[in-house]
N, C-alpha and C. Protein backbone atom coordinates (compact mmCIF):
# COMPACT_ATOMS: atom_id res chain seq x y z
N MET A 1 -79.61 -24.82 -47.20
CA MET A 1 -78.75 -25.10 -46.06
C MET A 1 -77.29 -24.93 -46.49
N ILE A 2 -76.53 -24.23 -45.70
CA ILE A 2 -75.11 -24.01 -45.95
C ILE A 2 -74.32 -25.04 -45.15
N ASP A 3 -73.52 -25.82 -45.86
CA ASP A 3 -72.71 -26.85 -45.22
C ASP A 3 -71.29 -26.34 -45.01
N ILE A 4 -70.87 -26.34 -43.76
CA ILE A 4 -69.53 -25.88 -43.39
C ILE A 4 -68.80 -27.05 -42.74
N ILE A 5 -67.56 -27.27 -43.17
CA ILE A 5 -66.73 -28.26 -42.50
C ILE A 5 -65.77 -27.50 -41.59
N ALA A 6 -65.67 -27.94 -40.35
CA ALA A 6 -64.80 -27.32 -39.37
C ALA A 6 -63.66 -28.27 -39.04
N ILE A 7 -62.43 -27.77 -39.11
CA ILE A 7 -61.26 -28.60 -38.89
C ILE A 7 -60.43 -28.01 -37.76
N SER A 8 -60.20 -28.82 -36.74
CA SER A 8 -59.32 -28.43 -35.65
C SER A 8 -57.92 -28.93 -35.97
N GLY A 9 -56.95 -28.05 -35.85
CA GLY A 9 -55.56 -28.43 -36.10
C GLY A 9 -54.90 -29.11 -34.92
N SER A 10 -55.68 -29.39 -33.87
CA SER A 10 -55.15 -30.03 -32.67
C SER A 10 -55.64 -31.46 -32.56
N LEU A 11 -54.76 -32.33 -32.12
CA LEU A 11 -55.13 -33.73 -31.89
C LEU A 11 -55.39 -34.02 -30.42
N ARG A 12 -55.22 -33.05 -29.56
CA ARG A 12 -55.41 -33.25 -28.12
C ARG A 12 -56.86 -33.56 -27.79
N ALA A 13 -57.08 -34.48 -26.86
CA ALA A 13 -58.43 -34.84 -26.44
C ALA A 13 -59.14 -33.64 -25.80
N ALA A 14 -58.41 -32.82 -25.05
CA ALA A 14 -59.00 -31.66 -24.38
C ALA A 14 -58.62 -30.37 -25.12
N SER A 15 -58.63 -30.41 -26.43
CA SER A 15 -58.21 -29.28 -27.25
C SER A 15 -59.15 -28.08 -27.11
N THR A 16 -58.56 -26.93 -26.87
CA THR A 16 -59.36 -25.70 -26.84
C THR A 16 -59.85 -25.33 -28.24
N ASN A 17 -59.07 -25.67 -29.25
CA ASN A 17 -59.48 -25.40 -30.63
C ASN A 17 -60.69 -26.24 -31.01
N SER A 18 -60.66 -27.51 -30.62
CA SER A 18 -61.80 -28.39 -30.90
C SER A 18 -63.03 -27.94 -30.11
N ALA A 19 -62.82 -27.50 -28.87
CA ALA A 19 -63.94 -27.00 -28.05
C ALA A 19 -64.56 -25.76 -28.68
N LEU A 20 -63.72 -24.88 -29.20
CA LEU A 20 -64.24 -23.68 -29.87
C LEU A 20 -65.06 -24.06 -31.09
N LEU A 21 -64.58 -24.99 -31.89
CA LEU A 21 -65.33 -25.40 -33.09
C LEU A 21 -66.63 -26.09 -32.72
N ALA A 22 -66.63 -26.91 -31.67
CA ALA A 22 -67.87 -27.57 -31.24
C ALA A 22 -68.89 -26.52 -30.78
N ALA A 23 -68.44 -25.52 -30.06
CA ALA A 23 -69.35 -24.45 -29.62
C ALA A 23 -69.84 -23.64 -30.80
N LEU A 24 -68.97 -23.39 -31.75
CA LEU A 24 -69.35 -22.66 -32.96
C LEU A 24 -70.42 -23.43 -33.73
N ALA A 25 -70.23 -24.74 -33.83
CA ALA A 25 -71.22 -25.59 -34.52
C ALA A 25 -72.55 -25.56 -33.79
N ALA A 26 -72.52 -25.63 -32.47
CA ALA A 26 -73.75 -25.64 -31.68
C ALA A 26 -74.48 -24.31 -31.73
N ASN A 27 -73.77 -23.23 -32.04
CA ASN A 27 -74.36 -21.90 -32.04
C ASN A 27 -74.46 -21.29 -33.44
N ALA A 28 -74.32 -22.11 -34.45
CA ALA A 28 -74.40 -21.61 -35.82
C ALA A 28 -75.84 -21.20 -36.14
N PRO A 29 -75.99 -20.24 -37.06
CA PRO A 29 -77.34 -19.86 -37.48
C PRO A 29 -78.11 -21.07 -38.02
N ALA A 30 -79.44 -20.97 -37.97
CA ALA A 30 -80.31 -22.09 -38.36
C ALA A 30 -80.08 -22.55 -39.79
N ASP A 31 -79.63 -21.66 -40.67
CA ASP A 31 -79.44 -22.05 -42.07
C ASP A 31 -78.05 -22.64 -42.34
N CYS A 32 -77.29 -22.90 -41.28
CA CYS A 32 -75.94 -23.46 -41.42
C CYS A 32 -75.83 -24.79 -40.69
N ARG A 33 -75.18 -25.73 -41.33
CA ARG A 33 -74.87 -27.01 -40.70
C ARG A 33 -73.34 -27.10 -40.64
N VAL A 34 -72.80 -27.14 -39.43
CA VAL A 34 -71.35 -27.20 -39.26
C VAL A 34 -70.99 -28.62 -38.86
N GLN A 35 -70.22 -29.28 -39.70
CA GLN A 35 -69.77 -30.64 -39.44
C GLN A 35 -68.30 -30.59 -39.02
N ILE A 36 -68.00 -31.20 -37.89
CA ILE A 36 -66.62 -31.24 -37.39
C ILE A 36 -65.89 -32.42 -38.05
N TYR A 37 -64.78 -32.14 -38.70
CA TYR A 37 -63.95 -33.18 -39.28
C TYR A 37 -63.07 -33.74 -38.16
N ASP A 38 -63.11 -35.05 -37.97
CA ASP A 38 -62.37 -35.65 -36.85
C ASP A 38 -61.30 -36.65 -37.31
N GLY A 39 -60.90 -36.60 -38.55
CA GLY A 39 -59.96 -37.59 -39.07
C GLY A 39 -58.52 -37.13 -39.18
N LEU A 40 -58.20 -35.97 -38.63
CA LEU A 40 -56.86 -35.42 -38.79
C LEU A 40 -55.76 -36.39 -38.34
N GLY A 41 -55.95 -37.03 -37.21
CA GLY A 41 -54.94 -37.93 -36.67
C GLY A 41 -54.82 -39.25 -37.41
N ARG A 42 -55.77 -39.55 -38.26
CA ARG A 42 -55.74 -40.81 -39.02
C ARG A 42 -55.22 -40.64 -40.44
N LEU A 43 -54.93 -39.40 -40.83
CA LEU A 43 -54.43 -39.17 -42.19
C LEU A 43 -53.00 -39.68 -42.32
N PRO A 44 -52.71 -40.43 -43.37
CA PRO A 44 -51.32 -40.82 -43.59
C PRO A 44 -50.52 -39.58 -44.02
N ILE A 45 -49.21 -39.66 -43.85
CA ILE A 45 -48.36 -38.55 -44.28
C ILE A 45 -48.49 -38.40 -45.79
N PHE A 46 -48.67 -37.15 -46.22
CA PHE A 46 -48.85 -36.87 -47.64
C PHE A 46 -47.64 -37.32 -48.45
N ASN A 47 -47.93 -37.99 -49.56
CA ASN A 47 -46.92 -38.40 -50.52
C ASN A 47 -47.55 -38.22 -51.89
N PRO A 48 -47.00 -37.35 -52.75
CA PRO A 48 -47.57 -37.15 -54.08
C PRO A 48 -47.71 -38.43 -54.89
N ASP A 49 -46.89 -39.43 -54.59
CA ASP A 49 -47.00 -40.71 -55.30
C ASP A 49 -48.29 -41.45 -54.96
N ASP A 50 -48.94 -41.05 -53.87
CA ASP A 50 -50.17 -41.71 -53.45
C ASP A 50 -51.44 -40.95 -53.85
N GLU A 51 -51.33 -40.06 -54.80
CA GLU A 51 -52.51 -39.34 -55.26
C GLU A 51 -53.20 -40.12 -56.39
N GLY A 52 -54.34 -39.59 -56.80
CA GLY A 52 -55.10 -40.24 -57.87
C GLY A 52 -55.72 -41.54 -57.40
N GLU A 53 -55.57 -42.59 -58.17
CA GLU A 53 -56.15 -43.88 -57.82
C GLU A 53 -55.56 -44.47 -56.55
N ARG A 54 -54.38 -44.00 -56.16
CA ARG A 54 -53.71 -44.53 -54.97
C ARG A 54 -54.02 -43.72 -53.70
N THR A 55 -54.92 -42.74 -53.80
CA THR A 55 -55.24 -41.91 -52.63
C THR A 55 -55.78 -42.80 -51.51
N PRO A 56 -55.16 -42.73 -50.34
CA PRO A 56 -55.64 -43.53 -49.20
C PRO A 56 -57.07 -43.15 -48.83
N PRO A 57 -57.86 -44.10 -48.34
CA PRO A 57 -59.26 -43.82 -48.01
C PRO A 57 -59.44 -42.65 -47.03
N GLN A 58 -58.56 -42.54 -46.03
CA GLN A 58 -58.69 -41.45 -45.06
C GLN A 58 -58.52 -40.09 -45.75
N ALA A 59 -57.57 -40.01 -46.65
CA ALA A 59 -57.34 -38.76 -47.39
C ALA A 59 -58.49 -38.50 -48.35
N ALA A 60 -59.00 -39.55 -48.98
CA ALA A 60 -60.13 -39.38 -49.90
C ALA A 60 -61.36 -38.85 -49.16
N ARG A 61 -61.57 -39.28 -47.91
CA ARG A 61 -62.70 -38.78 -47.11
C ARG A 61 -62.55 -37.29 -46.82
N LEU A 62 -61.33 -36.86 -46.48
CA LEU A 62 -61.09 -35.44 -46.25
C LEU A 62 -61.34 -34.63 -47.52
N ILE A 63 -60.79 -35.08 -48.61
CA ILE A 63 -60.94 -34.38 -49.89
C ILE A 63 -62.42 -34.27 -50.26
N GLU A 64 -63.16 -35.36 -50.10
CA GLU A 64 -64.59 -35.37 -50.42
C GLU A 64 -65.36 -34.44 -49.48
N ALA A 65 -65.03 -34.45 -48.21
CA ALA A 65 -65.73 -33.59 -47.24
C ALA A 65 -65.52 -32.11 -47.56
N VAL A 66 -64.29 -31.74 -47.88
CA VAL A 66 -64.00 -30.35 -48.23
C VAL A 66 -64.66 -29.99 -49.56
N THR A 67 -64.62 -30.90 -50.51
CA THR A 67 -65.25 -30.65 -51.81
C THR A 67 -66.75 -30.44 -51.67
N ARG A 68 -67.41 -31.27 -50.86
CA ARG A 68 -68.86 -31.20 -50.66
C ARG A 68 -69.30 -29.96 -49.90
N ALA A 69 -68.49 -29.53 -48.96
CA ALA A 69 -68.86 -28.40 -48.11
C ALA A 69 -68.88 -27.10 -48.91
N ASN A 70 -69.72 -26.18 -48.45
CA ASN A 70 -69.76 -24.85 -49.06
C ASN A 70 -68.58 -24.00 -48.60
N SER A 71 -68.05 -24.33 -47.41
CA SER A 71 -66.95 -23.54 -46.87
C SER A 71 -66.23 -24.32 -45.77
N VAL A 72 -65.14 -23.72 -45.29
CA VAL A 72 -64.28 -24.36 -44.29
C VAL A 72 -63.98 -23.36 -43.17
N ILE A 73 -64.04 -23.84 -41.93
CA ILE A 73 -63.59 -23.06 -40.78
C ILE A 73 -62.48 -23.87 -40.11
N VAL A 74 -61.37 -23.21 -39.81
CA VAL A 74 -60.22 -23.86 -39.19
C VAL A 74 -59.87 -23.15 -37.88
N SER A 75 -59.63 -23.94 -36.85
CA SER A 75 -59.09 -23.44 -35.59
C SER A 75 -57.84 -24.25 -35.31
N CYS A 76 -56.72 -23.57 -35.14
CA CYS A 76 -55.45 -24.28 -35.10
C CYS A 76 -54.52 -23.71 -34.04
N PRO A 77 -53.88 -24.58 -33.26
CA PRO A 77 -52.88 -24.09 -32.31
C PRO A 77 -51.57 -23.73 -33.03
N GLU A 78 -50.65 -23.23 -32.26
CA GLU A 78 -49.32 -22.93 -32.77
C GLU A 78 -48.31 -23.80 -32.04
N TYR A 79 -47.45 -24.45 -32.79
CA TYR A 79 -46.38 -25.24 -32.20
C TYR A 79 -45.06 -24.71 -32.74
N ALA A 80 -44.18 -24.28 -31.87
CA ALA A 80 -42.85 -23.79 -32.25
C ALA A 80 -42.95 -22.71 -33.34
N HIS A 81 -43.87 -21.77 -33.15
CA HIS A 81 -44.10 -20.66 -34.09
C HIS A 81 -44.58 -21.13 -35.46
N GLY A 82 -45.23 -22.28 -35.53
CA GLY A 82 -45.70 -22.75 -36.83
C GLY A 82 -47.00 -23.52 -36.74
N VAL A 83 -47.45 -23.96 -37.89
CA VAL A 83 -48.67 -24.76 -38.03
C VAL A 83 -48.33 -26.19 -37.64
N PRO A 84 -49.12 -26.82 -36.79
CA PRO A 84 -48.86 -28.22 -36.42
C PRO A 84 -48.81 -29.13 -37.66
N GLY A 85 -47.96 -30.14 -37.57
CA GLY A 85 -47.77 -31.04 -38.71
C GLY A 85 -49.04 -31.70 -39.21
N GLY A 86 -49.94 -32.09 -38.31
CA GLY A 86 -51.18 -32.73 -38.74
C GLY A 86 -52.04 -31.83 -39.60
N MET A 87 -52.12 -30.55 -39.23
CA MET A 87 -52.91 -29.59 -40.02
C MET A 87 -52.27 -29.35 -41.37
N LYS A 88 -50.96 -29.16 -41.37
CA LYS A 88 -50.26 -28.95 -42.64
C LYS A 88 -50.39 -30.18 -43.53
N ASN A 89 -50.32 -31.36 -42.95
CA ASN A 89 -50.48 -32.60 -43.71
C ASN A 89 -51.85 -32.65 -44.37
N ALA A 90 -52.90 -32.27 -43.64
CA ALA A 90 -54.25 -32.26 -44.21
C ALA A 90 -54.32 -31.31 -45.40
N LEU A 91 -53.73 -30.13 -45.24
CA LEU A 91 -53.73 -29.17 -46.35
C LEU A 91 -52.94 -29.70 -47.54
N ASP A 92 -51.83 -30.40 -47.25
CA ASP A 92 -51.05 -30.98 -48.35
C ASP A 92 -51.88 -31.96 -49.17
N TRP A 93 -52.77 -32.73 -48.53
CA TRP A 93 -53.62 -33.66 -49.27
C TRP A 93 -54.58 -32.92 -50.20
N LEU A 94 -54.87 -31.66 -49.88
CA LEU A 94 -55.80 -30.87 -50.70
C LEU A 94 -55.11 -30.04 -51.77
N VAL A 95 -53.80 -29.92 -51.69
CA VAL A 95 -53.07 -28.95 -52.51
C VAL A 95 -53.26 -29.12 -54.02
N SER A 96 -53.25 -30.30 -54.52
CA SER A 96 -53.35 -30.49 -55.97
C SER A 96 -54.78 -30.80 -56.42
N ARG A 97 -55.74 -30.56 -55.55
CA ARG A 97 -57.15 -30.84 -55.86
C ARG A 97 -57.88 -29.53 -56.09
N ASP A 98 -59.06 -29.63 -56.67
CA ASP A 98 -59.89 -28.44 -56.86
C ASP A 98 -60.70 -28.10 -55.61
N ALA A 99 -60.62 -28.93 -54.58
CA ALA A 99 -61.44 -28.74 -53.37
C ALA A 99 -61.24 -27.37 -52.75
N ALA A 100 -60.02 -26.84 -52.78
CA ALA A 100 -59.73 -25.57 -52.13
C ALA A 100 -59.98 -24.36 -53.02
N VAL A 101 -59.96 -24.54 -54.32
CA VAL A 101 -60.00 -23.41 -55.24
C VAL A 101 -61.31 -22.62 -55.10
N GLY A 102 -61.17 -21.38 -54.63
CA GLY A 102 -62.32 -20.51 -54.47
C GLY A 102 -63.20 -20.85 -53.27
N LYS A 103 -62.84 -21.85 -52.49
CA LYS A 103 -63.65 -22.28 -51.34
C LYS A 103 -63.51 -21.25 -50.23
N PRO A 104 -64.62 -20.64 -49.77
CA PRO A 104 -64.53 -19.70 -48.67
C PRO A 104 -64.01 -20.39 -47.41
N ALA A 105 -63.11 -19.70 -46.71
CA ALA A 105 -62.51 -20.24 -45.50
C ALA A 105 -62.34 -19.14 -44.46
N MET A 106 -62.50 -19.54 -43.21
CA MET A 106 -62.35 -18.62 -42.10
C MET A 106 -61.49 -19.28 -41.02
N LEU A 107 -60.60 -18.50 -40.43
CA LEU A 107 -59.80 -18.97 -39.30
C LEU A 107 -60.41 -18.40 -38.03
N VAL A 108 -60.53 -19.24 -37.00
CA VAL A 108 -60.98 -18.80 -35.68
C VAL A 108 -59.90 -19.22 -34.69
N HIS A 109 -59.84 -18.53 -33.55
CA HIS A 109 -58.70 -18.71 -32.66
C HIS A 109 -59.12 -18.91 -31.22
N ALA A 110 -58.50 -19.90 -30.58
CA ALA A 110 -58.76 -20.19 -29.17
C ALA A 110 -57.64 -19.67 -28.28
N SER A 111 -56.72 -18.91 -28.86
CA SER A 111 -55.60 -18.35 -28.10
C SER A 111 -55.13 -17.07 -28.78
N SER A 112 -54.75 -16.12 -27.98
CA SER A 112 -54.19 -14.88 -28.53
C SER A 112 -52.70 -15.03 -28.83
N ARG A 113 -52.13 -16.17 -28.49
CA ARG A 113 -50.69 -16.36 -28.63
C ARG A 113 -50.27 -17.03 -29.93
N SER A 114 -51.17 -17.37 -30.79
CA SER A 114 -50.81 -18.14 -31.98
C SER A 114 -50.61 -17.26 -33.22
N LEU A 115 -49.95 -16.14 -33.06
CA LEU A 115 -49.81 -15.18 -34.15
C LEU A 115 -49.00 -15.70 -35.33
N TYR A 116 -47.93 -16.44 -35.06
CA TYR A 116 -47.11 -16.96 -36.16
C TYR A 116 -47.88 -18.02 -36.96
N ALA A 117 -48.55 -18.92 -36.24
CA ALA A 117 -49.32 -19.97 -36.93
C ALA A 117 -50.46 -19.36 -37.72
N ARG A 118 -51.12 -18.35 -37.17
CA ARG A 118 -52.22 -17.69 -37.89
C ARG A 118 -51.73 -17.14 -39.22
N ALA A 119 -50.62 -16.41 -39.17
CA ALA A 119 -50.09 -15.82 -40.39
C ALA A 119 -49.67 -16.90 -41.38
N ALA A 120 -49.00 -17.93 -40.89
CA ALA A 120 -48.55 -19.01 -41.77
C ALA A 120 -49.73 -19.76 -42.37
N LEU A 121 -50.72 -20.07 -41.54
CA LEU A 121 -51.88 -20.80 -42.02
C LEU A 121 -52.66 -19.99 -43.05
N ALA A 122 -52.84 -18.71 -42.79
CA ALA A 122 -53.54 -17.85 -43.76
C ALA A 122 -52.77 -17.80 -45.07
N GLU A 123 -51.45 -17.70 -45.00
CA GLU A 123 -50.64 -17.66 -46.22
C GLU A 123 -50.72 -18.97 -46.99
N ILE A 124 -50.65 -20.08 -46.30
CA ILE A 124 -50.75 -21.39 -46.94
C ILE A 124 -52.11 -21.51 -47.64
N MET A 125 -53.17 -21.16 -46.92
CA MET A 125 -54.51 -21.33 -47.48
C MET A 125 -54.77 -20.36 -48.63
N ARG A 126 -54.26 -19.13 -48.56
CA ARG A 126 -54.38 -18.20 -49.71
C ARG A 126 -53.62 -18.76 -50.91
N THR A 127 -52.44 -19.29 -50.67
CA THR A 127 -51.63 -19.87 -51.75
C THR A 127 -52.37 -21.02 -52.42
N MET A 128 -53.14 -21.78 -51.62
CA MET A 128 -53.91 -22.90 -52.16
C MET A 128 -55.19 -22.44 -52.86
N SER A 129 -55.44 -21.13 -52.86
CA SER A 129 -56.60 -20.51 -53.52
C SER A 129 -57.90 -20.60 -52.73
N PHE A 130 -57.82 -20.83 -51.41
CA PHE A 130 -59.01 -20.65 -50.59
C PHE A 130 -59.36 -19.17 -50.65
N ALA A 131 -60.63 -18.85 -50.60
CA ALA A 131 -61.10 -17.46 -50.52
C ALA A 131 -61.20 -17.13 -49.04
N MET A 132 -60.20 -16.46 -48.51
CA MET A 132 -60.10 -16.23 -47.06
C MET A 132 -60.97 -15.07 -46.61
N TYR A 133 -61.79 -15.35 -45.60
CA TYR A 133 -62.60 -14.32 -44.95
C TYR A 133 -61.76 -13.74 -43.83
N GLU A 134 -61.34 -12.51 -44.02
CA GLU A 134 -60.43 -11.90 -43.05
C GLU A 134 -60.96 -10.57 -42.51
N ASP A 135 -62.23 -10.27 -42.78
CA ASP A 135 -62.80 -9.00 -42.34
C ASP A 135 -62.96 -8.92 -40.83
N ARG A 136 -63.33 -10.02 -40.22
CA ARG A 136 -63.61 -10.02 -38.78
C ARG A 136 -63.06 -11.32 -38.19
N ALA A 137 -62.17 -11.18 -37.23
CA ALA A 137 -61.58 -12.36 -36.61
C ALA A 137 -62.38 -12.75 -35.37
N LEU A 138 -62.52 -14.05 -35.18
CA LEU A 138 -63.13 -14.55 -33.95
C LEU A 138 -62.03 -15.15 -33.11
N GLU A 139 -61.78 -14.53 -31.97
CA GLU A 139 -60.80 -15.04 -31.03
C GLU A 139 -61.47 -15.12 -29.66
N ILE A 140 -61.51 -16.33 -29.13
CA ILE A 140 -62.06 -16.55 -27.79
C ILE A 140 -60.96 -17.25 -27.00
N ALA A 141 -60.39 -16.54 -26.04
CA ALA A 141 -59.22 -17.02 -25.30
C ALA A 141 -59.60 -18.16 -24.36
N LEU A 142 -59.23 -19.37 -24.76
CA LEU A 142 -59.52 -20.56 -23.97
C LEU A 142 -58.26 -21.25 -23.45
N LEU A 143 -57.12 -20.86 -23.97
CA LEU A 143 -55.86 -21.50 -23.61
C LEU A 143 -55.65 -21.47 -22.10
N GLY A 144 -55.36 -22.63 -21.53
CA GLY A 144 -55.07 -22.74 -20.10
C GLY A 144 -56.30 -22.80 -19.20
N LYS A 145 -57.48 -22.79 -19.79
CA LYS A 145 -58.71 -22.83 -18.99
C LYS A 145 -59.13 -24.27 -18.74
N LYS A 146 -59.69 -24.50 -17.57
CA LYS A 146 -60.24 -25.82 -17.23
C LYS A 146 -61.63 -25.92 -17.87
N PRO A 147 -62.14 -27.17 -18.08
CA PRO A 147 -63.43 -27.33 -18.76
C PRO A 147 -64.58 -26.46 -18.23
N PRO A 148 -64.77 -26.33 -16.92
CA PRO A 148 -65.87 -25.46 -16.47
C PRO A 148 -65.67 -23.98 -16.87
N GLU A 149 -64.41 -23.54 -16.83
CA GLU A 149 -64.10 -22.16 -17.24
C GLU A 149 -64.35 -21.99 -18.74
N MET A 150 -63.92 -22.99 -19.53
CA MET A 150 -64.14 -22.92 -20.98
C MET A 150 -65.63 -22.84 -21.28
N GLU A 151 -66.41 -23.68 -20.62
CA GLU A 151 -67.86 -23.69 -20.82
C GLU A 151 -68.46 -22.32 -20.55
N ALA A 152 -68.06 -21.69 -19.46
CA ALA A 152 -68.58 -20.37 -19.11
C ALA A 152 -68.18 -19.32 -20.15
N ILE A 153 -66.93 -19.37 -20.58
CA ILE A 153 -66.44 -18.42 -21.58
C ILE A 153 -67.17 -18.61 -22.91
N LEU A 154 -67.33 -19.86 -23.33
CA LEU A 154 -68.02 -20.14 -24.59
C LEU A 154 -69.49 -19.73 -24.52
N THR A 155 -70.13 -19.96 -23.39
CA THR A 155 -71.52 -19.56 -23.20
C THR A 155 -71.64 -18.04 -23.31
N ALA A 156 -70.73 -17.33 -22.67
CA ALA A 156 -70.76 -15.86 -22.70
C ALA A 156 -70.50 -15.31 -24.10
N ASN A 157 -69.82 -16.11 -24.93
CA ASN A 157 -69.45 -15.64 -26.28
C ASN A 157 -70.36 -16.16 -27.39
N ARG A 158 -71.50 -16.72 -27.03
CA ARG A 158 -72.43 -17.20 -28.06
C ARG A 158 -72.77 -16.12 -29.09
N PRO A 159 -73.11 -14.90 -28.65
CA PRO A 159 -73.42 -13.87 -29.65
C PRO A 159 -72.25 -13.59 -30.60
N ALA A 160 -71.03 -13.57 -30.08
CA ALA A 160 -69.86 -13.33 -30.92
C ALA A 160 -69.69 -14.45 -31.95
N MET A 161 -69.94 -15.70 -31.52
CA MET A 161 -69.83 -16.83 -32.44
C MET A 161 -70.88 -16.73 -33.54
N ARG A 162 -72.13 -16.43 -33.16
CA ARG A 162 -73.19 -16.29 -34.16
C ARG A 162 -72.87 -15.16 -35.13
N ASP A 163 -72.40 -14.03 -34.61
CA ASP A 163 -72.05 -12.90 -35.48
C ASP A 163 -70.92 -13.25 -36.44
N ALA A 164 -69.92 -13.97 -35.94
CA ALA A 164 -68.80 -14.37 -36.80
C ALA A 164 -69.28 -15.27 -37.94
N VAL A 165 -70.12 -16.24 -37.62
CA VAL A 165 -70.61 -17.14 -38.68
C VAL A 165 -71.53 -16.38 -39.63
N ARG A 166 -72.36 -15.49 -39.11
CA ARG A 166 -73.22 -14.68 -40.00
C ARG A 166 -72.38 -13.84 -40.95
N GLY A 167 -71.34 -13.21 -40.44
CA GLY A 167 -70.44 -12.44 -41.30
C GLY A 167 -69.79 -13.31 -42.35
N PHE A 168 -69.40 -14.51 -41.95
CA PHE A 168 -68.79 -15.46 -42.88
C PHE A 168 -69.78 -15.86 -43.96
N VAL A 169 -71.03 -16.10 -43.57
CA VAL A 169 -72.08 -16.47 -44.54
C VAL A 169 -72.30 -15.32 -45.53
N GLU A 170 -72.32 -14.09 -45.05
CA GLU A 170 -72.46 -12.94 -45.95
C GLU A 170 -71.30 -12.90 -46.94
N PHE A 171 -70.09 -13.14 -46.44
CA PHE A 171 -68.91 -13.21 -47.30
C PHE A 171 -69.07 -14.30 -48.35
N MET A 172 -69.54 -15.48 -47.93
CA MET A 172 -69.74 -16.59 -48.86
C MET A 172 -70.73 -16.20 -49.95
N ARG A 173 -71.80 -15.55 -49.56
CA ARG A 173 -72.83 -15.14 -50.54
C ARG A 173 -72.27 -14.09 -51.50
N SER A 174 -71.46 -13.17 -51.01
CA SER A 174 -70.86 -12.18 -51.90
C SER A 174 -69.86 -12.84 -52.85
N GLN A 175 -69.14 -13.84 -52.37
CA GLN A 175 -68.21 -14.58 -53.23
C GLN A 175 -68.97 -15.31 -54.33
N ALA A 176 -70.09 -15.95 -53.96
CA ALA A 176 -70.91 -16.68 -54.93
C ALA A 176 -71.49 -15.73 -55.96
N ALA A 177 -71.95 -14.56 -55.51
CA ALA A 177 -72.54 -13.58 -56.44
C ALA A 177 -71.51 -13.02 -57.41
N SER A 178 -70.28 -12.79 -56.91
CA SER A 178 -69.24 -12.22 -57.78
C SER A 178 -68.68 -13.24 -58.77
N SER A 179 -68.82 -14.52 -58.46
CA SER A 179 -68.31 -15.56 -59.37
C SER A 179 -69.35 -16.01 -60.39
N SER A 180 -70.60 -15.54 -60.24
CA SER A 180 -71.63 -15.96 -61.21
C SER A 180 -71.93 -14.89 -62.22
């Protein structure tokens, strides 16, 4: 079983990014278990003085979840041409840990308008040594859609979601084979 942790960079209750990740989890191949991380809004602001034995429990849970997972999928909005503070804060908690090193990661998108955040997030995650899967992007335009419209769009895109996760799994397997 392949364990994937999915992180939404949005804290909104009706987040299109969170909806995309939930649909991705529901439509993942049978050999994949996608767990949605829901603690982004409870993470304290990163402070290097609070690492090690002083790591707050909420941050320790994130670090453990990423460490345990075989890979990471992130869907993130764009705020003011950048990565939202909550998402960047989560990544900051992982920066000095081994959790990210060589960990396969994929970005998925719920809006075609988040080009600056996509580029920034990919750069941040590459810098942290995530192994970024960038061969095939999954973008399902949900921005501005009402829940019934989102449901219909996500239902119509089930094959695209399955294909994206399958491609990501193939990438993960090639990464594992090349590192052994």
